[in-house]
């Protein structure tokens, strides 16, 4: 009986046809402000800052980035 072992190094990265998106929500107690997923990351950041400008104590946000990734041999 004969066995062959093949070791391949892999890497993970953004799929070339993927679009990175960002969503956010304000962490102020009882605030329900949400930012729907957007591919315009700069506009997403500006929306968070605008929310803070209108509601001074609302300065903490949870931001989530999403993308499609792909594992490839390196």
N, C-alpha and C. Protein backbone atom coordinates (compact mmCIF):
# COMPACT_ATOMS: atom_id res chain seq x y z
N UNK A 1 0.84 -1.17 0.00
CA UNK A 1 0.00 0.00 0.00
C UNK A 1 0.89 1.24 0.00
N UNK A 2 0.49 2.21 -0.77
CA UNK A 2 1.30 3.42 -0.90
C UNK A 2 0.43 4.63 -0.62
N UNK A 3 0.95 5.60 0.13
CA UNK A 3 0.22 6.84 0.43
C UNK A 3 1.01 8.03 -0.07
N UNK A 4 0.32 9.01 -0.55
CA UNK A 4 0.95 10.26 -0.99
C UNK A 4 0.33 11.39 -0.18
N UNK A 5 1.20 12.16 0.44
CA UNK A 5 0.74 13.32 1.20
C UNK A 5 1.14 14.58 0.46
N UNK A 6 0.22 15.49 0.35
CA UNK A 6 0.51 16.75 -0.32
C UNK A 6 0.17 17.88 0.64
N UNK A 7 1.14 18.72 0.90
CA UNK A 7 0.94 19.84 1.80
C UNK A 7 0.92 21.12 0.98
N UNK A 8 -0.16 21.83 1.09
CA UNK A 8 -0.33 23.08 0.34
C UNK A 8 -0.63 24.19 1.33
N UNK A 9 0.09 25.30 1.20
CA UNK A 9 -0.20 26.46 2.03
C UNK A 9 -1.35 27.23 1.41
N UNK A 10 -2.25 27.70 2.25
CA UNK A 10 -3.40 28.45 1.79
C UNK A 10 -3.40 29.83 2.42
N UNK A 11 -4.04 30.73 1.74
CA UNK A 11 -4.25 32.07 2.26
C UNK A 11 -5.71 32.45 2.03
N UNK A 12 -6.18 33.43 2.78
CA UNK A 12 -7.56 33.89 2.61
C UNK A 12 -7.53 35.38 2.32
N UNK A 13 -8.39 35.80 1.43
CA UNK A 13 -8.47 37.21 1.08
C UNK A 13 -9.82 37.53 0.47
N UNK A 14 -10.03 38.80 0.21
CA UNK A 14 -11.28 39.25 -0.37
C UNK A 14 -11.44 38.71 -1.78
N UNK A 15 -12.59 38.17 -2.08
CA UNK A 15 -12.88 37.69 -3.43
C UNK A 15 -12.82 38.88 -4.38
N UNK A 16 -12.20 38.73 -5.55
CA UNK A 16 -12.03 39.87 -6.46
C UNK A 16 -13.33 40.53 -6.91
N UNK A 17 -14.43 39.80 -6.90
CA UNK A 17 -15.70 40.38 -7.32
C UNK A 17 -16.57 40.78 -6.12
N UNK A 18 -15.99 40.75 -4.94
CA UNK A 18 -16.72 41.08 -3.72
C UNK A 18 -16.76 42.59 -3.51
N UNK A 19 -17.80 43.02 -2.84
CA UNK A 19 -17.94 44.42 -2.46
C UNK A 19 -18.00 44.46 -0.95
N UNK A 20 -17.11 45.22 -0.34
CA UNK A 20 -17.11 45.34 1.12
C UNK A 20 -18.22 46.29 1.54
N UNK A 21 -18.99 45.91 2.55
CA UNK A 21 -20.05 46.77 3.05
C UNK A 21 -19.87 47.02 4.54
N UNK A 22 -20.53 48.07 5.00
CA UNK A 22 -20.48 48.44 6.41
C UNK A 22 -21.89 48.74 6.89
N UNK A 23 -22.20 48.32 8.10
CA UNK A 23 -23.44 48.72 8.76
C UNK A 23 -23.06 49.21 10.15
N UNK A 24 -23.96 49.94 10.79
CA UNK A 24 -23.63 50.50 12.11
C UNK A 24 -24.91 50.65 12.93
N UNK A 25 -24.69 50.73 14.25
CA UNK A 25 -25.80 51.06 15.15
C UNK A 25 -25.25 51.85 16.31
N UNK A 26 -26.06 52.77 16.80
CA UNK A 26 -25.68 53.59 17.94
C UNK A 26 -25.80 52.77 19.21
N UNK A 27 -24.83 52.92 20.11
CA UNK A 27 -24.83 52.16 21.37
C UNK A 27 -25.39 52.94 22.55
N UNK A 28 -25.91 54.14 22.31
CA UNK A 28 -26.53 54.90 23.40
C UNK A 28 -27.76 54.13 23.90
N UNK A 29 -27.96 54.10 25.20
CA UNK A 29 -29.12 53.38 25.75
C UNK A 29 -30.43 53.85 25.12
N UNK A 30 -31.24 52.90 24.74
CA UNK A 30 -32.57 53.13 24.17
C UNK A 30 -32.56 53.84 22.82
N UNK A 31 -31.42 54.05 22.21
CA UNK A 31 -31.37 54.65 20.86
C UNK A 31 -31.54 53.53 19.84
N UNK A 32 -32.36 53.76 18.87
CA UNK A 32 -32.62 52.74 17.85
C UNK A 32 -32.05 53.13 16.49
N UNK A 33 -31.10 54.07 16.47
CA UNK A 33 -30.53 54.50 15.20
C UNK A 33 -29.70 53.38 14.60
N UNK A 34 -29.97 53.09 13.34
CA UNK A 34 -29.25 52.04 12.61
C UNK A 34 -28.85 52.58 11.24
N UNK A 35 -27.73 52.13 10.77
CA UNK A 35 -27.31 52.42 9.40
C UNK A 35 -27.37 51.11 8.63
N UNK A 36 -28.19 51.08 7.60
CA UNK A 36 -28.28 49.88 6.76
C UNK A 36 -26.95 49.66 6.04
N UNK A 37 -26.69 48.45 5.63
CA UNK A 37 -25.44 48.12 4.96
C UNK A 37 -25.24 49.01 3.73
N UNK A 38 -24.03 49.54 3.61
CA UNK A 38 -23.68 50.40 2.49
C UNK A 38 -22.28 50.06 2.01
N UNK A 39 -22.07 50.16 0.71
CA UNK A 39 -20.74 49.94 0.14
C UNK A 39 -19.92 51.21 0.17
N UNK A 40 -20.54 52.33 0.45
CA UNK A 40 -19.84 53.62 0.53
C UNK A 40 -19.38 53.81 1.98
N UNK A 41 -18.18 53.30 2.29
CA UNK A 41 -17.68 53.29 3.67
C UNK A 41 -17.52 54.69 4.23
N UNK A 42 -17.09 55.63 3.40
CA UNK A 42 -16.91 57.02 3.85
C UNK A 42 -18.27 57.62 4.22
N UNK A 43 -19.28 57.38 3.41
CA UNK A 43 -20.63 57.89 3.71
C UNK A 43 -21.16 57.25 4.99
N UNK A 44 -20.84 55.98 5.23
CA UNK A 44 -21.25 55.32 6.47
C UNK A 44 -20.65 55.99 7.69
N UNK A 45 -19.35 56.29 7.62
CA UNK A 45 -18.69 56.99 8.73
C UNK A 45 -19.30 58.37 8.93
N UNK A 46 -19.58 59.07 7.83
CA UNK A 46 -20.18 60.40 7.92
C UNK A 46 -21.58 60.34 8.54
N UNK A 47 -22.33 59.28 8.25
CA UNK A 47 -23.67 59.13 8.84
C UNK A 47 -23.56 58.98 10.36
N UNK A 48 -22.57 58.23 10.82
CA UNK A 48 -22.36 58.08 12.27
C UNK A 48 -22.02 59.43 12.90
N UNK A 49 -21.14 60.17 12.26
CA UNK A 49 -20.74 61.47 12.80
C UNK A 49 -21.90 62.46 12.79
N UNK A 50 -22.74 62.40 11.76
CA UNK A 50 -23.92 63.27 11.69
C UNK A 50 -24.88 62.93 12.81
N UNK A 51 -25.07 61.65 13.11
CA UNK A 51 -25.93 61.24 14.22
C UNK A 51 -25.42 61.83 15.52
N UNK A 52 -24.11 61.78 15.74
CA UNK A 52 -23.53 62.35 16.96
C UNK A 52 -23.72 63.86 16.99
N UNK A 53 -23.59 64.53 15.86
CA UNK A 53 -23.77 65.98 15.81
C UNK A 53 -25.19 66.38 16.21
N UNK A 54 -26.18 65.54 15.89
CA UNK A 54 -27.57 65.84 16.21
C UNK A 54 -27.97 65.39 17.62
N UNK A 55 -27.26 64.42 18.17
CA UNK A 55 -27.56 63.89 19.49
C UNK A 55 -26.23 63.73 20.24
N UNK A 56 -25.83 64.75 20.93
CA UNK A 56 -24.47 64.90 21.49
C UNK A 56 -23.95 63.71 22.29
N UNK A 57 -24.77 63.06 23.08
CA UNK A 57 -24.28 61.95 23.91
C UNK A 57 -24.23 60.62 23.17
N UNK A 58 -24.56 60.63 21.90
CA UNK A 58 -24.58 59.40 21.10
C UNK A 58 -23.28 59.33 20.30
N UNK A 59 -22.20 58.94 20.97
CA UNK A 59 -20.88 58.98 20.32
C UNK A 59 -20.18 57.63 20.25
N UNK A 60 -20.90 56.57 20.54
CA UNK A 60 -20.32 55.22 20.46
C UNK A 60 -21.18 54.37 19.53
N UNK A 61 -20.51 53.66 18.63
CA UNK A 61 -21.20 52.89 17.60
C UNK A 61 -20.60 51.50 17.47
N UNK A 62 -21.42 50.57 17.13
CA UNK A 62 -20.94 49.26 16.70
C UNK A 62 -20.93 49.31 15.17
N UNK A 63 -19.76 49.10 14.57
CA UNK A 63 -19.67 49.06 13.11
C UNK A 63 -19.29 47.65 12.69
N UNK A 64 -19.94 47.17 11.64
CA UNK A 64 -19.71 45.82 11.15
C UNK A 64 -19.39 45.90 9.67
N UNK A 65 -18.27 45.28 9.29
CA UNK A 65 -17.88 45.21 7.88
C UNK A 65 -18.12 43.80 7.39
N UNK A 66 -18.55 43.68 6.15
CA UNK A 66 -18.85 42.39 5.58
C UNK A 66 -18.27 42.31 4.17
N UNK A 67 -17.72 41.15 3.83
CA UNK A 67 -17.20 40.92 2.49
C UNK A 67 -17.23 39.44 2.20
N UNK A 68 -17.16 39.09 0.94
CA UNK A 68 -17.04 37.69 0.54
C UNK A 68 -15.55 37.39 0.45
N UNK A 69 -15.12 36.34 1.12
CA UNK A 69 -13.71 35.96 1.11
C UNK A 69 -13.52 34.66 0.34
N UNK A 70 -12.28 34.42 -0.03
CA UNK A 70 -11.96 33.24 -0.81
C UNK A 70 -10.63 32.66 -0.30
N UNK A 71 -10.60 31.34 -0.13
CA UNK A 71 -9.36 30.65 0.25
C UNK A 71 -8.68 30.17 -1.02
N UNK A 72 -7.38 30.49 -1.13
CA UNK A 72 -6.61 30.13 -2.33
C UNK A 72 -5.27 29.56 -1.92
N UNK A 73 -4.72 28.66 -2.72
CA UNK A 73 -3.36 28.20 -2.45
C UNK A 73 -2.39 29.35 -2.71
N UNK A 74 -1.35 29.43 -1.89
CA UNK A 74 -0.34 30.48 -2.08
C UNK A 74 0.96 29.92 -2.61
